[in-house]
Amino acid sequence: MLQTDVTFGLPARTLSVIVSPMDLQCLYEKYAPEVRRFALFLCGDRALADDITSDTFLRVWLTRGRIRELTVKSYLFAVARNAYLDLQRRAWRSEALDRLDADPGTGVHELLEHKEELSAVLAGLQDLPETDRAALLMRSLDEMPYEEIAAALKITVTAARVKVHRSRVRLMAARNPIREKLSALEDRQ
């Protein structure tokens, strides 16, 4: 036997999500304070909790289908949590992009140094033998274990370690002359 929600008289496991404006108003009046409190515990910010609460009821209004929760409250909390997680994902993406912005305090010399170092390292990377370059990229970019690198390149594990180490040393050597040159220019000024 299905339980029914006393407020709306609907089976608790198959509550209709398509609600009329009056039903939505009743839902909002009854559950908005609890949803807001839940959202506030999730995010710790009153304004953000208000946004999550609004988004929760908007999502309920726009959702089609059936609620598969035992209670309306648990459904609303699940929707609120998803709204919060969506905001977190968006915030993380924009936060990562903000970190990529150039530091306003960075001087022209530092920018020139970074650009020339990058150019030197990229040129040094292209000068490496293909196997050495592949081993280094597998290890550095993909964080592949040496055993997998060795299997992929059909070399021994020791050879993979040596290739990665020597490639790193060569790239460090490629960037050091640029640093010394820029350091000498700064000393003259």
C-alpha atoms as a PDB file:
ATOM      1  CA  MET A   1       0.000   0.000   0.000  1.00  0.00           C
ATOM      2  CA  LEU A   2       1.361   3.433  -0.938  1.00  0.00           C
ATOM      3  CA  GLN A   3       1.470   6.089   1.706  1.00  0.00           C
ATOM      4  CA  THR A   4      -0.155   9.380   0.850  1.00  0.00           C
ATOM      5  CA  ASP A   5       1.053  12.853   1.619  1.00  0.00           C
ATOM      6  CA  VAL A   6      -1.449  14.359   4.036  1.00  0.00           C
ATOM      7  CA  THR A   7      -1.036  17.857   2.612  1.00  0.00           C
ATOM      8  CA  PHE A   8      -1.695  17.035  -1.006  1.00  0.00           C
ATOM      9  CA  GLY A   9      -3.402  13.608  -0.812  1.00  0.00           C
ATOM     10  CA  LEU A  10      -1.076  12.168  -3.464  1.00  0.00           C
ATOM     11  CA  PRO A  11       0.770   8.845  -3.251  1.00  0.00           C
ATOM     12  CA  ALA A  12       4.151   9.621  -1.703  1.00  0.00           C
ATOM     13  CA  ARG A  13       6.145   7.516  -4.182  1.00  0.00           C
ATOM     14  CA  THR A  14       4.439   8.892  -7.288  1.00  0.00           C
ATOM     15  CA  LEU A  15       3.857  12.539  -6.504  1.00  0.00           C
ATOM     16  CA  SER A  16       3.038  14.581  -9.560  1.00  0.00           C
ATOM     17  CA  VAL A  17       5.680  17.180 -10.355  1.00  0.00           C
ATOM     18  CA  ILE A  18       3.484  19.134 -12.731  1.00  0.00           C
ATOM     19  CA  VAL A  19       1.846  21.517 -10.302  1.00  0.00           C
ATOM     20  CA  SER A  20      -0.617  24.313 -10.798  1.00  0.00           C
ATOM     21  CA  PRO A  21       0.253  27.838  -9.672  1.00  0.00           C
ATOM     22  CA  MET A  22      -1.906  27.337  -6.584  1.00  0.00           C
ATOM     23  CA  ASP A  23      -0.146  24.073  -5.694  1.00  0.00           C
ATOM     24  CA  LEU A  24       3.241  25.716  -6.203  1.00  0.00           C
ATOM     25  CA  GLN A  25       2.206  28.573  -3.935  1.00  0.00           C
ATOM     26  CA  CYS A  26       1.101  26.069  -1.268  1.00  0.00           C
ATOM     27  CA  LEU A  27       4.373  24.177  -1.652  1.00  0.00           C
ATOM     28  CA  TYR A  28       6.353  27.381  -1.391  1.00  0.00           C
ATOM     29  CA  GLU A  29       4.478  28.675   1.660  1.00  0.00           C
ATOM     30  CA  LYS A  30       4.804  25.368   3.481  1.00  0.00           C
ATOM     31  CA  TYR A  31       8.355  24.315   2.579  1.00  0.00           C
ATOM     32  CA  ALA A  32      10.320  27.415   1.575  1.00  0.00           C
ATOM     33  CA  PRO A  33      11.588  28.170   5.109  1.00  0.00           C
ATOM     34  CA  GLU A  34      12.830  24.591   5.522  1.00  0.00           C
ATOM     35  CA  VAL A  35      14.409  24.531   2.063  1.00  0.00           C
ATOM     36  CA  ARG A  36      16.094  27.882   2.772  1.00  0.00           C
ATOM     37  CA  ARG A  37      17.425  26.642   6.115  1.00  0.00           C
ATOM     38  CA  PHE A  38      18.751  23.497   4.411  1.00  0.00           C
ATOM     39  CA  ALA A  39      20.373  25.606   1.674  1.00  0.00           C
ATOM     40  CA  LEU A  40      21.887  27.911   4.293  1.00  0.00           C
ATOM     41  CA  PHE A  41      23.492  24.919   6.026  1.00  0.00           C
ATOM     42  CA  LEU A  42      24.863  23.772   2.669  1.00  0.00           C
ATOM     43  CA  CYS A  43      26.399  27.048   1.546  1.00  0.00           C
ATOM     44  CA  GLY A  44      26.712  29.238   4.667  1.00  0.00           C
ATOM     45  CA  ASP A  45      25.664  32.380   2.748  1.00  0.00           C
ATOM     46  CA  ARG A  46      22.210  33.930   3.225  1.00  0.00           C
ATOM     47  CA  ALA A  47      21.998  35.481  -0.239  1.00  0.00           C
ATOM     48  CA  LEU A  48      23.126  32.272  -1.889  1.00  0.00           C
ATOM     49  CA  ALA A  49      20.629  30.302   0.212  1.00  0.00           C
ATOM     50  CA  ASP A  50      17.866  32.588  -1.086  1.00  0.00           C
ATOM     51  CA  ASP A  51      19.026  31.950  -4.654  1.00  0.00           C
ATOM     52  CA  ILE A  52      19.094  28.195  -4.081  1.00  0.00           C
ATOM     53  CA  THR A  53      15.603  28.298  -2.578  1.00  0.00           C
ATOM     54  CA  SER A  54      14.250  30.245  -5.532  1.00  0.00           C
ATOM     55  CA  ASP A  55      16.008  27.947  -7.974  1.00  0.00           C
ATOM     56  CA  THR A  56      14.586  24.902  -6.180  1.00  0.00           C
ATOM     57  CA  PHE A  57      10.988  26.012  -6.632  1.00  0.00           C
ATOM     58  CA  LEU A  58      11.654  27.130 -10.195  1.00  0.00           C
ATOM     59  CA  ARG A  59      13.040  23.681 -10.980  1.00  0.00           C
ATOM     60  CA  VAL A  60       9.976  22.053  -9.416  1.00  0.00           C
ATOM     61  CA  TRP A  61       7.777  24.250 -11.592  1.00  0.00           C
ATOM     62  CA  LEU A  62       9.707  23.403 -14.770  1.00  0.00           C
ATOM     63  CA  THR A  63      10.240  19.689 -14.101  1.00  0.00           C
ATOM     64  CA  ARG A  64       8.135  17.155 -15.938  1.00  0.00           C
ATOM     65  CA  GLY A  65       7.579  13.620 -14.717  1.00  0.00           C
ATOM     66  CA  ARG A  66       7.088  12.094 -11.333  1.00  0.00           C
ATOM     67  CA  ILE A  67       8.830  12.491  -7.995  1.00  0.00           C
ATOM     68  CA  ARG A  68      10.288   9.222  -6.805  1.00  0.00           C
ATOM     69  CA  GLU A  69      10.826  10.216  -3.193  1.00  0.00           C
ATOM     70  CA  LEU A  70       8.905   9.295  -0.081  1.00  0.00           C
ATOM     71  CA  THR A  71       7.979  12.876   0.802  1.00  0.00           C
ATOM     72  CA  VAL A  72       7.657  16.234  -0.859  1.00  0.00           C
ATOM     73  CA  LYS A  73      10.212  17.600   1.599  1.00  0.00           C
ATOM     74  CA  SER A  74      12.861  15.025   0.672  1.00  0.00           C
ATOM     75  CA  TYR A  75      12.261  15.789  -2.996  1.00  0.00           C
ATOM     76  CA  LEU A  76      12.636  19.524  -2.419  1.00  0.00           C
ATOM     77  CA  PHE A  77      15.834  18.952  -0.421  1.00  0.00           C
ATOM     78  CA  ALA A  78      17.243  16.798  -3.228  1.00  0.00           C
ATOM     79  CA  VAL A  79      16.422  19.524  -5.765  1.00  0.00           C
ATOM     80  CA  ALA A  80      17.989  22.172  -3.481  1.00  0.00           C
ATOM     81  CA  ARG A  81      21.143  20.083  -3.094  1.00  0.00           C
ATOM     82  CA  ASN A  82      21.421  19.664  -6.862  1.00  0.00           C
ATOM     83  CA  ALA A  83      20.971  23.430  -7.313  1.00  0.00           C
ATOM     84  CA  TYR A  84      23.752  24.010  -4.779  1.00  0.00           C
ATOM     85  CA  LEU A  85      26.066  21.517  -6.491  1.00  0.00           C
ATOM     86  CA  ASP A  86      25.396  23.178  -9.856  1.00  0.00           C
ATOM     87  CA  LEU A  87      26.365  26.546  -8.364  1.00  0.00           C
ATOM     88  CA  GLN A  88      29.510  25.005  -6.899  1.00  0.00           C
ATOM     89  CA  ARG A  89      30.500  23.592 -10.286  1.00  0.00           C
ATOM     90  CA  ARG A  90      29.948  26.962 -11.964  1.00  0.00           C
ATOM     91  CA  ALA A  91      31.899  28.742  -9.223  1.00  0.00           C
ATOM     92  CA  TRP A  92      34.763  26.289  -9.547  1.00  0.00           C
ATOM     93  CA  ARG A  93      34.944  26.854 -13.290  1.00  0.00           C
ATOM     94  CA  SER A  94      35.012  30.634 -12.980  1.00  0.00           C
ATOM     95  CA  GLU A  95      37.458  30.442 -10.080  1.00  0.00           C
ATOM     96  CA  ALA A  96      39.845  28.398 -12.189  1.00  0.00           C
ATOM     97  CA  LEU A  97      39.609  30.962 -14.971  1.00  0.00           C
ATOM     98  CA  ASP A  98      40.193  33.841 -12.558  1.00  0.00           C
ATOM     99  CA  ARG A  99      43.467  32.255 -11.482  1.00  0.00           C
ATOM    100  CA  LEU A 100      44.647  32.356 -15.085  1.00  0.00           C
ATOM    101  CA  ASP A 101      44.356  36.139 -15.249  1.00  0.00           C
ATOM    102  CA  ALA A 102      47.657  37.953 -15.315  1.00  0.00           C
ATOM    103  CA  ASP A 103      48.795  39.390 -12.016  1.00  0.00           C
ATOM    104  CA  PRO A 104      48.268  43.166 -12.217  1.00  0.00           C
ATOM    105  CA  GLY A 105      51.522  43.637 -10.300  1.00  0.00           C
ATOM    106  CA  THR A 106      53.549  41.663 -12.821  1.00  0.00           C
ATOM    107  CA  GLY A 107      56.067  43.875 -14.539  1.00  0.00           C
ATOM    108  CA  VAL A 108      57.049  43.918 -18.179  1.00  0.00           C
ATOM    109  CA  HIS A 109      60.372  42.256 -17.391  1.00  0.00           C
ATOM    110  CA  GLU A 110      58.690  39.348 -15.633  1.00  0.00           C
ATOM    111  CA  LEU A 111      56.239  38.869 -18.491  1.00  0.00           C
ATOM    112  CA  LEU A 112      59.101  38.943 -20.993  1.00  0.00           C
ATOM    113  CA  GLU A 113      61.033  36.452 -18.887  1.00  0.00           C
ATOM    114  CA  HIS A 114      58.083  34.048 -18.738  1.00  0.00           C
ATOM    115  CA  LYS A 115      57.445  34.346 -22.455  1.00  0.00           C
ATOM    116  CA  GLU A 116      61.076  33.760 -23.384  1.00  0.00           C
ATOM    117  CA  GLU A 117      61.371  30.870 -20.912  1.00  0.00           C
ATOM    118  CA  LEU A 118      58.279  29.253 -22.361  1.00  0.00           C
ATOM    119  CA  SER A 119      59.610  29.664 -25.883  1.00  0.00           C
ATOM    120  CA  ALA A 120      62.950  28.157 -24.878  1.00  0.00           C
ATOM    121  CA  VAL A 121      61.298  25.196 -23.139  1.00  0.00           C
ATOM    122  CA  LEU A 122      58.966  24.529 -26.077  1.00  0.00           C
ATOM    123  CA  ALA A 123      61.898  24.698 -28.497  1.00  0.00           C
ATOM    124  CA  GLY A 124      63.891  22.383 -26.225  1.00  0.00           C
ATOM    125  CA  LEU A 125      60.961  19.986 -26.110  1.00  0.00           C
ATOM    126  CA  GLN A 126      60.894  19.835 -29.907  1.00  0.00           C
ATOM    127  CA  ASP A 127      64.649  19.187 -29.971  1.00  0.00           C
ATOM    128  CA  LEU A 128      64.284  16.072 -27.812  1.00  0.00           C
ATOM    129  CA  PRO A 129      64.262  12.704 -29.557  1.00  0.00           C
ATOM    130  CA  GLU A 130      60.692  11.519 -30.109  1.00  0.00           C
ATOM    131  CA  THR A 131      60.905   8.672 -27.593  1.00  0.00           C
ATOM    132  CA  ASP A 132      62.340  10.958 -24.915  1.00  0.00           C
ATOM    133  CA  ARG A 133      59.684  13.603 -25.603  1.00  0.00           C
ATOM    134  CA  ALA A 134      56.908  10.971 -25.481  1.00  0.00           C
ATOM    135  CA  ALA A 135      58.223   9.536 -22.199  1.00  0.00           C
ATOM    136  CA  LEU A 136      58.447  12.981 -20.625  1.00  0.00           C
ATOM    137  CA  LEU A 137      54.962  13.998 -21.757  1.00  0.00           C
ATOM    138  CA  MET A 138      53.439  10.718 -20.591  1.00  0.00           C
ATOM    139  CA  ARG A 139      54.992  11.184 -17.179  1.00  0.00           C
ATOM    140  CA  SER A 140      54.473  14.936 -16.801  1.00  0.00           C
ATOM    141  CA  LEU A 141      51.108  15.508 -18.420  1.00  0.00           C
ATOM    142  CA  ASP A 142      49.335  12.206 -17.913  1.00  0.00           C
ATOM    143  CA  GLU A 143      51.126  11.234 -14.674  1.00  0.00           C
ATOM    144  CA  MET A 144      51.560   7.775 -16.141  1.00  0.00           C
ATOM    145  CA  PRO A 145      53.559   5.281 -14.048  1.00  0.00           C
ATOM    146  CA  TYR A 146      56.972   4.340 -15.405  1.00  0.00           C
ATOM    147  CA  GLU A 147      55.816   0.761 -15.948  1.00  0.00           C
ATOM    148  CA  GLU A 148      53.083   1.941 -18.345  1.00  0.00           C
ATOM    149  CA  ILE A 149      55.480   4.297 -20.121  1.00  0.00           C
ATOM    150  CA  ALA A 150      57.935   1.440 -20.603  1.00  0.00           C
ATOM    151  CA  ALA A 151      55.205  -0.821 -21.981  1.00  0.00           C
ATOM    152  CA  ALA A 152      53.890   1.876 -24.327  1.00  0.00           C
ATOM    153  CA  LEU A 153      57.337   2.722 -25.688  1.00  0.00           C
ATOM    154  CA  LYS A 154      58.574  -0.900 -25.616  1.00  0.00           C
ATOM    155  CA  ILE A 155      61.564  -0.076 -23.436  1.00  0.00           C
ATOM    156  CA  THR A 156      62.611  -1.160 -19.954  1.00  0.00           C
ATOM    157  CA  VAL A 157      61.323   0.603 -16.844  1.00  0.00           C
ATOM    158  CA  THR A 158      64.862   1.775 -16.089  1.00  0.00           C
ATOM    159  CA  ALA A 159      65.185   3.222 -19.585  1.00  0.00           C
ATOM    160  CA  ALA A 160      61.863   5.038 -19.129  1.00  0.00           C
ATOM    161  CA  ARG A 161      63.088   6.588 -15.869  1.00  0.00           C
ATOM    162  CA  VAL A 162      66.376   7.624 -17.481  1.00  0.00           C
ATOM    163  CA  LYS A 163      64.641   9.161 -20.514  1.00  0.00           C
ATOM    164  CA  VAL A 164      62.286  11.206 -18.327  1.00  0.00           C
ATOM    165  CA  HIS A 165      65.106  12.375 -16.070  1.00  0.00           C
ATOM    166  CA  ARG A 166      67.436  13.335 -18.928  1.00  0.00           C
ATOM    167  CA  SER A 167      64.621  15.138 -20.747  1.00  0.00           C
ATOM    168  CA  ARG A 168      63.857  17.194 -17.655  1.00  0.00           C
ATOM    169  CA  VAL A 169      67.535  18.079 -17.251  1.00  0.00           C
ATOM    170  CA  ARG A 170      67.764  19.176 -20.904  1.00  0.00           C
ATOM    171  CA  LEU A 171      64.659  21.362 -20.603  1.00  0.00           C
ATOM    172  CA  MET A 172      65.994  22.984 -17.425  1.00  0.00           C
ATOM    173  CA  ALA A 173      69.252  23.680 -19.239  1.00  0.00           C
ATOM    174  CA  ALA A 174      67.293  25.221 -22.129  1.00  0.00           C
ATOM    175  CA  ARG A 175      65.591  27.715 -19.841  1.00  0.00           C
ATOM    176  CA  ASN A 176      68.627  28.670 -17.721  1.00  0.00           C
ATOM    177  CA  PRO A 177      70.421  30.790 -20.400  1.00  0.00           C
ATOM    178  CA  ILE A 178      67.254  32.853 -20.843  1.00  0.00           C
ATOM    179  CA  ARG A 179      67.065  33.453 -17.094  1.00  0.00           C
ATOM    180  CA  GLU A 180      70.727  34.474 -16.973  1.00  0.00           C
ATOM    181  CA  LYS A 181      70.281  36.838 -19.920  1.00  0.00           C
ATOM    182  CA  LEU A 182      67.258  38.519 -18.365  1.00  0.00           C
ATOM    183  CA  SER A 183      68.972  38.697 -14.997  1.00  0.00           C
ATOM    184  CA  ALA A 184      71.902  40.501 -16.605  1.00  0.00           C
ATOM    185  CA  LEU A 185      69.506  42.994 -18.239  1.00  0.00           C
ATOM    186  CA  GLU A 186      67.845  43.716 -14.890  1.00  0.00           C
ATOM    187  CA  ASP A 187      71.228  44.255 -13.224  1.00  0.00           C
ATOM    188  CA  ARG A 188      72.154  46.907 -15.798  1.00  0.00           C
ATOM    189  CA  GLN A 189      69.029  48.920 -15.062  1.00  0.00           C
END
